[in-house]
């Protein structure tokens, strides 16, 4: 069933306010209007919110925190209060775009469920800024956000990046960037191109271009600030392997168990899904 949300003219409204990445003068005029209009402002960290509101000369606003640890519960309370009181509320992340590797999605979901309109007040996005600064010519890209920290999930994501034809945008913390670059070089190969941007819009903004081999000289602790980087897409053409050839290979290597899937991907150049489907057929 379609949910057609009401016009927000005079109706309860949720503003999603994109905040400056670093330079406070990047705040959009409409964002200032939204923050002034909101009866209550929710933020990832109220201390950061107060700094921005003080810079804008906005005082006396009720502030509350909605962060990843309490997002669902607080979102439900916020939307229930908005529905009861009417008017408008605003949500702002610490820096950049709500809902993109930042809280905010639970608020929008709850608003949709309750028939309340949301509107985005845009400004700078670290993902789009990093992509524009990369100079990669592709019209399409994949937004990954933060990588899983470890284990099979991290390995699977890195392997997916290796096979993807379009560039991939990744966020990373400065304390983990050296390890992440090393992991990428190991899985993707050292010749893959990368464009790394840090401290976007701030005084120490820097974008570094090179291959993963070039980035091996980066020392622990030398890159500071928030980091967004873009990995170029794979230029390898997938090999044409018939299902009959793949199944024959899989039966021959079935003693490897699920390792046969990896072997088929590496030796035949087939995708993970095709290899795994063949593995299941060989087991039957």
C-alpha atoms as a PDB file:
ATOM      1  CA  UNK A   1       0.000   0.000   0.000  1.00  0.00           C
ATOM      2  CA  UNK A   2       1.389   3.407  -0.982  1.00  0.00           C
ATOM      3  CA  UNK A   3       2.102   5.893   1.790  1.00  0.00           C
ATOM      4  CA  UNK A   4       1.632   9.394   0.369  1.00  0.00           C
ATOM      5  CA  UNK A   5       2.975  11.724   2.991  1.00  0.00           C
ATOM      6  CA  UNK A   6       1.167  15.026   3.497  1.00  0.00           C
ATOM      7  CA  UNK A   7       2.559  18.336   2.320  1.00  0.00           C
ATOM      8  CA  UNK A   8       4.725  19.701   5.104  1.00  0.00           C
ATOM      9  CA  UNK A   9       3.162  23.162   4.774  1.00  0.00           C
ATOM     10  CA  UNK A  10       1.624  23.512   8.209  1.00  0.00           C
ATOM     11  CA  UNK A  11       1.923  19.772   8.947  1.00  0.00           C
ATOM     12  CA  UNK A  12       4.372  18.110  11.370  1.00  0.00           C
ATOM     13  CA  UNK A  13       7.774  17.943   9.712  1.00  0.00           C
ATOM     14  CA  UNK A  14      11.181  16.330  10.199  1.00  0.00           C
ATOM     15  CA  UNK A  15      14.142  18.313   8.871  1.00  0.00           C
ATOM     16  CA  UNK A  16      17.301  16.350   8.089  1.00  0.00           C
ATOM     17  CA  UNK A  17      20.006  18.991   8.237  1.00  0.00           C
ATOM     18  CA  UNK A  18      23.345  18.362   6.543  1.00  0.00           C
ATOM     19  CA  UNK A  19      26.018  20.134   8.589  1.00  0.00           C
ATOM     20  CA  UNK A  20      29.431  21.482   7.508  1.00  0.00           C
ATOM     21  CA  UNK A  21      32.277  18.975   7.346  1.00  0.00           C
ATOM     22  CA  UNK A  22      34.613  21.454   8.991  1.00  0.00           C
ATOM     23  CA  UNK A  23      34.250  24.996   7.697  1.00  0.00           C
ATOM     24  CA  UNK A  24      31.203  26.364   9.512  1.00  0.00           C
ATOM     25  CA  UNK A  25      30.625  28.994   6.828  1.00  0.00           C
ATOM     26  CA  UNK A  26      29.590  26.138   4.495  1.00  0.00           C
ATOM     27  CA  UNK A  27      26.235  25.932   6.294  1.00  0.00           C
ATOM     28  CA  UNK A  28      23.378  26.375   3.822  1.00  0.00           C
ATOM     29  CA  UNK A  29      21.037  29.340   4.388  1.00  0.00           C
ATOM     30  CA  UNK A  30      18.043  26.997   4.343  1.00  0.00           C
ATOM     31  CA  UNK A  31      19.723  24.878   7.028  1.00  0.00           C
ATOM     32  CA  UNK A  32      19.852  27.955   9.259  1.00  0.00           C
ATOM     33  CA  UNK A  33      16.145  28.558   8.578  1.00  0.00           C
ATOM     34  CA  UNK A  34      15.333  24.937   9.419  1.00  0.00           C
ATOM     35  CA  UNK A  35      17.247  25.025  12.693  1.00  0.00           C
ATOM     36  CA  UNK A  36      15.514  28.272  13.654  1.00  0.00           C
ATOM     37  CA  UNK A  37      12.107  26.823  12.771  1.00  0.00           C
ATOM     38  CA  UNK A  38      12.534  23.573  14.705  1.00  0.00           C
ATOM     39  CA  UNK A  39      11.009  23.471  18.160  1.00  0.00           C
ATOM     40  CA  UNK A  40      13.388  20.663  19.137  1.00  0.00           C
ATOM     41  CA  UNK A  41      16.756  19.683  17.693  1.00  0.00           C
ATOM     42  CA  UNK A  42      18.194  16.181  17.815  1.00  0.00           C
ATOM     43  CA  UNK A  43      21.891  15.646  17.270  1.00  0.00           C
ATOM     44  CA  UNK A  44      24.458  12.881  17.203  1.00  0.00           C
ATOM     45  CA  UNK A  45      26.419  14.782  19.864  1.00  0.00           C
ATOM     46  CA  UNK A  46      24.733  17.741  21.561  1.00  0.00           C
ATOM     47  CA  UNK A  47      28.132  19.308  22.366  1.00  0.00           C
ATOM     48  CA  UNK A  48      28.941  19.624  18.658  1.00  0.00           C
ATOM     49  CA  UNK A  49      25.408  20.842  17.970  1.00  0.00           C
ATOM     50  CA  UNK A  50      25.765  23.601  20.558  1.00  0.00           C
ATOM     51  CA  UNK A  51      28.978  24.826  18.910  1.00  0.00           C
ATOM     52  CA  UNK A  52      27.266  25.166  15.526  1.00  0.00           C
ATOM     53  CA  UNK A  53      24.120  26.738  16.991  1.00  0.00           C
ATOM     54  CA  UNK A  54      26.259  29.222  18.907  1.00  0.00           C
ATOM     55  CA  UNK A  55      28.125  30.125  15.708  1.00  0.00           C
ATOM     56  CA  UNK A  56      24.756  30.740  14.017  1.00  0.00           C
ATOM     57  CA  UNK A  57      23.407  32.770  16.929  1.00  0.00           C
ATOM     58  CA  UNK A  58      20.569  30.312  17.572  1.00  0.00           C
ATOM     59  CA  UNK A  59      19.738  30.119  21.266  1.00  0.00           C
ATOM     60  CA  UNK A  60      17.177  28.544  23.555  1.00  0.00           C
ATOM     61  CA  UNK A  61      16.568  25.367  21.547  1.00  0.00           C
ATOM     62  CA  UNK A  62      15.735  22.099  23.287  1.00  0.00           C
ATOM     63  CA  UNK A  63      18.484  19.612  22.424  1.00  0.00           C
ATOM     64  CA  UNK A  64      18.530  15.821  22.678  1.00  0.00           C
ATOM     65  CA  UNK A  65      20.915  13.134  21.467  1.00  0.00           C
ATOM     66  CA  UNK A  66      20.135  10.435  18.921  1.00  0.00           C
ATOM     67  CA  UNK A  67      23.210   8.332  18.221  1.00  0.00           C
ATOM     68  CA  UNK A  68      23.824   4.821  16.925  1.00  0.00           C
ATOM     69  CA  UNK A  69      23.577   3.280  20.415  1.00  0.00           C
ATOM     70  CA  UNK A  70      20.042   4.554  21.114  1.00  0.00           C
ATOM     71  CA  UNK A  71      18.777   5.385  17.633  1.00  0.00           C
ATOM     72  CA  UNK A  72      15.649   3.236  17.395  1.00  0.00           C
ATOM     73  CA  UNK A  73      14.298   3.954  20.867  1.00  0.00           C
ATOM     74  CA  UNK A  74      14.931   7.694  20.755  1.00  0.00           C
ATOM     75  CA  UNK A  75      13.624   7.978  17.192  1.00  0.00           C
ATOM     76  CA  UNK A  76      10.312   6.459  18.249  1.00  0.00           C
ATOM     77  CA  UNK A  77      10.063   8.911  21.169  1.00  0.00           C
ATOM     78  CA  UNK A  78      10.985  11.892  18.970  1.00  0.00           C
ATOM     79  CA  UNK A  79       8.398  11.142  16.289  1.00  0.00           C
ATOM     80  CA  UNK A  80       5.704  10.385  18.877  1.00  0.00           C
ATOM     81  CA  UNK A  81       6.376  13.784  20.478  1.00  0.00           C
ATOM     82  CA  UNK A  82       6.331  15.502  17.076  1.00  0.00           C
ATOM     83  CA  UNK A  83       3.027  13.850  16.214  1.00  0.00           C
ATOM     84  CA  UNK A  84       1.555  14.968  19.536  1.00  0.00           C
ATOM     85  CA  UNK A  85       2.885  18.544  19.589  1.00  0.00           C
ATOM     86  CA  UNK A  86       3.019  19.336  15.852  1.00  0.00           C
ATOM     87  CA  UNK A  87       5.417  21.873  14.385  1.00  0.00           C
ATOM     88  CA  UNK A  88       8.846  20.758  13.214  1.00  0.00           C
ATOM     89  CA  UNK A  89      11.927  19.028  14.591  1.00  0.00           C
ATOM     90  CA  UNK A  90      15.426  18.821  13.122  1.00  0.00           C
ATOM     91  CA  UNK A  91      18.117  16.168  13.147  1.00  0.00           C
ATOM     92  CA  UNK A  92      21.787  16.980  12.519  1.00  0.00           C
ATOM     93  CA  UNK A  93      24.803  14.671  12.514  1.00  0.00           C
ATOM     94  CA  UNK A  94      28.176  15.761  13.896  1.00  0.00           C
ATOM     95  CA  UNK A  95      29.468  16.662  10.437  1.00  0.00           C
ATOM     96  CA  UNK A  96      28.124  15.933   6.991  1.00  0.00           C
ATOM     97  CA  UNK A  97      25.155  13.903   5.863  1.00  0.00           C
ATOM     98  CA  UNK A  98      22.645  12.178   8.158  1.00  0.00           C
ATOM     99  CA  UNK A  99      21.776   8.571   7.197  1.00  0.00           C
ATOM    100  CA  UNK A 100      25.061   7.994   5.274  1.00  0.00           C
ATOM    101  CA  UNK A 101      27.257   6.111   7.759  1.00  0.00           C
ATOM    102  CA  UNK A 102      25.641   8.331  10.392  1.00  0.00           C
ATOM    103  CA  UNK A 103      22.408   8.039  12.419  1.00  0.00           C
ATOM    104  CA  UNK A 104      19.148   9.411  11.037  1.00  0.00           C
ATOM    105  CA  UNK A 105      17.620   6.537   9.088  1.00  0.00           C
ATOM    106  CA  UNK A 106      15.600   5.323  12.087  1.00  0.00           C
ATOM    107  CA  UNK A 107      14.025   8.779  12.430  1.00  0.00           C
ATOM    108  CA  UNK A 108      13.009   8.813   8.766  1.00  0.00           C
ATOM    109  CA  UNK A 109      11.642   5.262   8.993  1.00  0.00           C
ATOM    110  CA  UNK A 110       9.567   6.113  12.062  1.00  0.00           C
ATOM    111  CA  UNK A 111       8.293   9.292  10.371  1.00  0.00           C
ATOM    112  CA  UNK A 112       7.205   7.268   7.324  1.00  0.00           C
ATOM    113  CA  UNK A 113       5.434   4.758   9.576  1.00  0.00           C
ATOM    114  CA  UNK A 114       3.586   7.594  11.336  1.00  0.00           C
ATOM    115  CA  UNK A 115       2.689   9.450   8.125  1.00  0.00           C
ATOM    116  CA  UNK A 116       4.947  12.430   8.845  1.00  0.00           C
ATOM    117  CA  UNK A 117       6.854  14.158   6.056  1.00  0.00           C
ATOM    118  CA  UNK A 118      10.641  14.548   6.037  1.00  0.00           C
ATOM    119  CA  UNK A 119      12.747  16.948   4.025  1.00  0.00           C
ATOM    120  CA  UNK A 120      16.507  17.050   3.465  1.00  0.00           C
ATOM    121  CA  UNK A 121      18.402  20.329   3.702  1.00  0.00           C
ATOM    122  CA  UNK A 122      21.523  19.501   1.665  1.00  0.00           C
ATOM    123  CA  UNK A 123      25.098  20.752   1.807  1.00  0.00           C
ATOM    124  CA  UNK A 124      28.534  19.140   1.459  1.00  0.00           C
ATOM    125  CA  UNK A 125      28.747  15.336   1.516  1.00  0.00           C
ATOM    126  CA  UNK A 126      32.134  13.758   2.247  1.00  0.00           C
ATOM    127  CA  UNK A 127      31.367  10.880  -0.134  1.00  0.00           C
ATOM    128  CA  UNK A 128      30.484  13.106  -3.096  1.00  0.00           C
ATOM    129  CA  UNK A 129      33.286  15.556  -2.335  1.00  0.00           C
ATOM    130  CA  UNK A 130      35.854  12.745  -2.261  1.00  0.00           C
ATOM    131  CA  UNK A 131      34.475  11.312  -5.498  1.00  0.00           C
ATOM    132  CA  UNK A 132      34.609  14.645  -7.312  1.00  0.00           C
ATOM    133  CA  UNK A 133      38.183  15.174  -6.093  1.00  0.00           C
ATOM    134  CA  UNK A 134      39.230  11.693  -7.304  1.00  0.00           C
ATOM    135  CA  UNK A 135      39.064  12.651 -10.979  1.00  0.00           C
ATOM    136  CA  UNK A 136      37.852   9.157 -11.886  1.00  0.00           C
ATOM    137  CA  UNK A 137      35.822   9.416 -15.115  1.00  0.00           C
ATOM    138  CA  UNK A 138      33.149   6.849 -14.238  1.00  0.00           C
ATOM    139  CA  UNK A 139      29.544   8.060 -14.143  1.00  0.00           C
ATOM    140  CA  UNK A 140      28.628   5.330 -11.636  1.00  0.00           C
ATOM    141  CA  UNK A 141      30.064   4.510  -8.227  1.00  0.00           C
ATOM    142  CA  UNK A 142      29.332   2.326  -5.207  1.00  0.00           C
ATOM    143  CA  UNK A 143      29.110   3.840  -1.718  1.00  0.00           C
ATOM    144  CA  UNK A 144      30.514   1.403   0.845  1.00  0.00           C
ATOM    145  CA  UNK A 145      30.912   3.673   3.860  1.00  0.00           C
ATOM    146  CA  UNK A 146      32.894   2.118   6.713  1.00  0.00           C
ATOM    147  CA  UNK A 147      34.320  -1.366   6.218  1.00  0.00           C
ATOM    148  CA  UNK A 148      33.623  -4.184   8.695  1.00  0.00           C
ATOM    149  CA  UNK A 149      36.422  -4.191  11.241  1.00  0.00           C
ATOM    150  CA  UNK A 150      37.533  -7.811  10.930  1.00  0.00           C
ATOM    151  CA  UNK A 151      36.679 -11.412  10.152  1.00  0.00           C
ATOM    152  CA  UNK A 152      34.854 -13.048   7.287  1.00  0.00           C
ATOM    153  CA  UNK A 153      32.560 -10.065   6.731  1.00  0.00           C
ATOM    154  CA  UNK A 154      35.513  -7.728   6.141  1.00  0.00           C
ATOM    155  CA  UNK A 155      37.145 -10.226   3.778  1.00  0.00           C
ATOM    156  CA  UNK A 156      33.906 -10.641   1.806  1.00  0.00           C
ATOM    157  CA  UNK A 157      33.513  -6.860   1.408  1.00  0.00           C
ATOM    158  CA  UNK A 158      37.117  -6.453   0.241  1.00  0.00           C
ATOM    159  CA  UNK A 159      36.637  -9.241  -2.311  1.00  0.00           C
ATOM    160  CA  UNK A 160      33.455  -7.543  -3.541  1.00  0.00           C
ATOM    161  CA  UNK A 161      35.407  -4.297  -4.040  1.00  0.00           C
ATOM    162  CA  UNK A 162      38.021  -6.257  -5.994  1.00  0.00           C
ATOM    163  CA  UNK A 163      35.430  -7.553  -8.458  1.00  0.00           C
ATOM    164  CA  UNK A 164      33.358  -4.364  -8.770  1.00  0.00           C
ATOM    165  CA  UNK A 165      33.688  -2.524 -12.103  1.00  0.00           C
ATOM    166  CA  UNK A 166      32.684   0.882 -10.741  1.00  0.00           C
ATOM    167  CA  UNK A 167      34.743   2.861  -8.188  1.00  0.00           C
ATOM    168  CA  UNK A 168      33.974   2.339  -4.493  1.00  0.00           C
ATOM    169  CA  UNK A 169      33.774   5.141  -1.902  1.00  0.00           C
ATOM    170  CA  UNK A 170      34.983   4.173   1.580  1.00  0.00           C
ATOM    171  CA  UNK A 171      35.103   6.021   4.907  1.00  0.00           C
ATOM    172  CA  UNK A 172      37.902   5.243   7.365  1.00  0.00           C
ATOM    173  CA  UNK A 173      39.257   6.452  10.692  1.00  0.00           C
ATOM    174  CA  UNK A 174      42.842   7.757  10.780  1.00  0.00           C
ATOM    175  CA  UNK A 175      43.785   5.114  13.353  1.00  0.00           C
ATOM    176  CA  UNK A 176      42.832   2.301  10.950  1.00  0.00           C
ATOM    177  CA  UNK A 177      43.793   3.720   7.559  1.00  0.00           C
ATOM    178  CA  UNK A 178      47.272   2.120   7.274  1.00  0.00           C
ATOM    179  CA  UNK A 179      45.880  -1.355   8.009  1.00  0.00           C
ATOM    180  CA  UNK A 180      42.998  -0.830   5.596  1.00  0.00           C
ATOM    181  CA  UNK A 181      45.311   0.261   2.776  1.00  0.00           C
ATOM    182  CA  UNK A 182      47.489  -2.811   3.389  1.00  0.00           C
ATOM    183  CA  UNK A 183      44.439  -5.105   3.352  1.00  0.00           C
ATOM    184  CA  UNK A 184      43.242  -3.537   0.099  1.00  0.00           C
ATOM    185  CA  UNK A 185      46.652  -4.015  -1.537  1.00  0.00           C
ATOM    186  CA  UNK A 186      46.671  -7.663  -0.484  1.00  0.00           C
ATOM    187  CA  UNK A 187      43.189  -8.435  -1.829  1.00  0.00           C
ATOM    188  CA  UNK A 188      42.930  -6.075  -4.838  1.00  0.00           C
ATOM    189  CA  UNK A 189      46.552  -6.012  -5.932  1.00  0.00           C
ATOM    190  CA  UNK A 190      49.037  -3.172  -5.574  1.00  0.00           C
ATOM    191  CA  UNK A 191      48.338  -1.651  -8.996  1.00  0.00           C
ATOM    192  CA  UNK A 192      44.789  -0.541  -8.150  1.00  0.00           C
ATOM    193  CA  UNK A 193      44.384   3.255  -8.155  1.00  0.00           C
ATOM    194  CA  UNK A 194      43.124   5.156  -5.141  1.00  0.00           C
ATOM    195  CA  UNK A 195      42.279   8.781  -4.333  1.00  0.00           C
ATOM    196  CA  UNK A 196      42.321   9.640  -0.623  1.00  0.00           C
ATOM    197  CA  UNK A 197      40.846  12.868   0.745  1.00  0.00           C
ATOM    198  CA  UNK A 198      41.091  14.003   4.351  1.00  0.00           C
ATOM    199  CA  UNK A 199      39.950  17.026   6.338  1.00  0.00           C
ATOM    200  CA  UNK A 200      37.588  18.022   3.508  1.00  0.00           C
ATOM    201  CA  UNK A 201      36.743  21.777   3.643  1.00  0.00           C
ATOM    202  CA  UNK A 202      39.093  22.337   6.605  1.00  0.00           C
ATOM    203  CA  UNK A 203      42.362  24.267   6.707  1.00  0.00           C
ATOM    204  CA  UNK A 204      44.500  21.112   6.350  1.00  0.00           C
ATOM    205  CA  UNK A 205      42.459  19.592   3.512  1.00  0.00           C
ATOM    206  CA  UNK A 206      44.513  17.246   1.345  1.00  0.00           C
ATOM    207  CA  UNK A 207      43.835  14.792  -1.487  1.00  0.00           C
ATOM    208  CA  UNK A 208      46.438  12.146  -2.330  1.00  0.00           C
ATOM    209  CA  UNK A 209      46.371  10.162  -5.578  1.00  0.00           C
ATOM    210  CA  UNK A 210      48.311   7.010  -6.422  1.00  0.00           C
ATOM    211  CA  UNK A 211      48.269   3.231  -6.573  1.00  0.00           C
ATOM    212  CA  UNK A 212      47.974   1.052  -3.509  1.00  0.00           C
ATOM    213  CA  UNK A 213      51.677   0.321  -3.969  1.00  0.00           C
ATOM    214  CA  UNK A 214      52.380   4.060  -3.729  1.00  0.00           C
ATOM    215  CA  UNK A 215      50.390   4.259  -0.511  1.00  0.00           C
ATOM    216  CA  UNK A 216      52.565   1.589   1.141  1.00  0.00           C
ATOM    217  CA  UNK A 217      54.944   4.381   2.187  1.00  0.00           C
ATOM    218  CA  UNK A 218      52.275   5.991   4.393  1.00  0.00           C
ATOM    219  CA  UNK A 219      53.322   5.686   8.041  1.00  0.00           C
ATOM    220  CA  UNK A 220      51.098   5.002  11.016  1.00  0.00           C
ATOM    221  CA  UNK A 221      49.761   8.259  12.451  1.00  0.00           C
ATOM    222  CA  UNK A 222      50.810  10.411   9.488  1.00  0.00           C
ATOM    223  CA  UNK A 223      47.263  10.850   8.142  1.00  0.00           C
ATOM    224  CA  UNK A 224      45.006  12.712  10.535  1.00  0.00           C
ATOM    225  CA  UNK A 225      41.411  13.820  10.440  1.00  0.00           C
ATOM    226  CA  UNK A 226      38.343  12.274   8.858  1.00  0.00           C
ATOM    227  CA  UNK A 227      39.158  10.267   5.724  1.00  0.00           C
ATOM    228  CA  UNK A 228      37.134   9.380   2.637  1.00  0.00           C
ATOM    229  CA  UNK A 229      38.819   7.521  -0.188  1.00  0.00           C
ATOM    230  CA  UNK A 230      37.845   6.179  -3.604  1.00  0.00           C
ATOM    231  CA  UNK A 231      39.141   2.902  -5.041  1.00  0.00           C
ATOM    232  CA  UNK A 232      39.071   2.613  -8.830  1.00  0.00           C
ATOM    233  CA  UNK A 233      37.002  -0.142 -10.384  1.00  0.00           C
ATOM    234  CA  UNK A 234      38.399  -3.402 -11.698  1.00  0.00           C
ATOM    235  CA  UNK A 235      39.595  -3.310 -15.288  1.00  0.00           C
ATOM    236  CA  UNK A 236      39.849  -7.084 -15.594  1.00  0.00           C
ATOM    237  CA  UNK A 237      37.455  -8.652 -18.058  1.00  0.00           C
ATOM    238  CA  UNK A 238      35.581 -11.642 -16.734  1.00  0.00           C
ATOM    239  CA  UNK A 239      36.579 -14.888 -18.395  1.00  0.00           C
ATOM    240  CA  UNK A 240      33.967 -16.719 -20.412  1.00  0.00           C
ATOM    241  CA  UNK A 241      33.531 -20.040 -18.657  1.00  0.00           C
ATOM    242  CA  UNK A 242      30.627 -22.297 -19.565  1.00  0.00           C
ATOM    243  CA  UNK A 243      28.544 -23.864 -16.774  1.00  0.00           C
ATOM    244  CA  UNK A 244      29.749 -27.287 -17.991  1.00  0.00           C
ATOM    245  CA  UNK A 245      33.417 -26.256 -17.614  1.00  0.00           C
ATOM    246  CA  UNK A 246      32.757 -24.723 -14.202  1.00  0.00           C
ATOM    247  CA  UNK A 247      30.932 -27.809 -12.926  1.00  0.00           C
ATOM    248  CA  UNK A 248      33.735 -30.079 -14.162  1.00  0.00           C
ATOM    249  CA  UNK A 249      36.303 -27.929 -12.339  1.00  0.00           C
ATOM    250  CA  UNK A 250      34.201 -27.982  -9.177  1.00  0.00           C
ATOM    251  CA  UNK A 251      33.822 -31.785  -9.143  1.00  0.00           C
ATOM    252  CA  UNK A 252      37.570 -32.147  -9.593  1.00  0.00           C
ATOM    253  CA  UNK A 253      38.274 -29.883  -6.623  1.00  0.00           C
ATOM    254  CA  UNK A 254      35.353 -30.860  -4.383  1.00  0.00           C
ATOM    255  CA  UNK A 255      37.760 -32.342  -1.827  1.00  0.00           C
ATOM    256  CA  UNK A 256      38.695 -28.740  -0.951  1.00  0.00           C
ATOM    257  CA  UNK A 257      35.214 -28.183   0.424  1.00  0.00           C
ATOM    258  CA  UNK A 258      34.188 -24.528   0.208  1.00  0.00           C
ATOM    259  CA  UNK A 259      37.787 -23.803  -0.733  1.00  0.00           C
ATOM    260  CA  UNK A 260      36.786 -24.997  -4.209  1.00  0.00           C
ATOM    261  CA  UNK A 261      34.673 -21.844  -4.549  1.00  0.00           C
ATOM    262  CA  UNK A 262      37.710 -19.643  -3.949  1.00  0.00           C
ATOM    263  CA  UNK A 263      39.808 -21.791  -6.275  1.00  0.00           C
ATOM    264  CA  UNK A 264      37.270 -21.385  -9.086  1.00  0.00           C
ATOM    265  CA  UNK A 265      37.152 -17.617  -8.581  1.00  0.00           C
ATOM    266  CA  UNK A 266      40.944 -17.313  -8.662  1.00  0.00           C
ATOM    267  CA  UNK A 267      41.779 -19.831 -11.425  1.00  0.00           C
ATOM    268  CA  UNK A 268      38.764 -19.414 -13.706  1.00  0.00           C
ATOM    269  CA  UNK A 269      37.940 -15.787 -12.962  1.00  0.00           C
ATOM    270  CA  UNK A 270      34.252 -16.483 -12.321  1.00  0.00           C
ATOM    271  CA  UNK A 271      32.111 -14.557  -9.843  1.00  0.00           C
ATOM    272  CA  UNK A 272      31.406 -15.753  -6.308  1.00  0.00           C
ATOM    273  CA  UNK A 273      27.720 -16.532  -6.935  1.00  0.00           C
ATOM    274  CA  UNK A 274      28.406 -18.630 -10.047  1.00  0.00           C
ATOM    275  CA  UNK A 275      31.172 -20.520  -8.238  1.00  0.00           C
ATOM    276  CA  UNK A 276      29.045 -21.174  -5.147  1.00  0.00           C
ATOM    277  CA  UNK A 277      26.038 -22.316  -7.199  1.00  0.00           C
ATOM    278  CA  UNK A 278      28.311 -24.763  -9.016  1.00  0.00           C
ATOM    279  CA  UNK A 279      29.686 -25.961  -5.681  1.00  0.00           C
ATOM    280  CA  UNK A 280      26.161 -26.730  -4.464  1.00  0.00           C
ATOM    281  CA  UNK A 281      25.423 -28.653  -7.687  1.00  0.00           C
ATOM    282  CA  UNK A 282      28.630 -30.665  -7.323  1.00  0.00           C
ATOM    283  CA  UNK A 283      27.718 -31.637  -3.758  1.00  0.00           C
ATOM    284  CA  UNK A 284      24.316 -33.042  -4.764  1.00  0.00           C
END
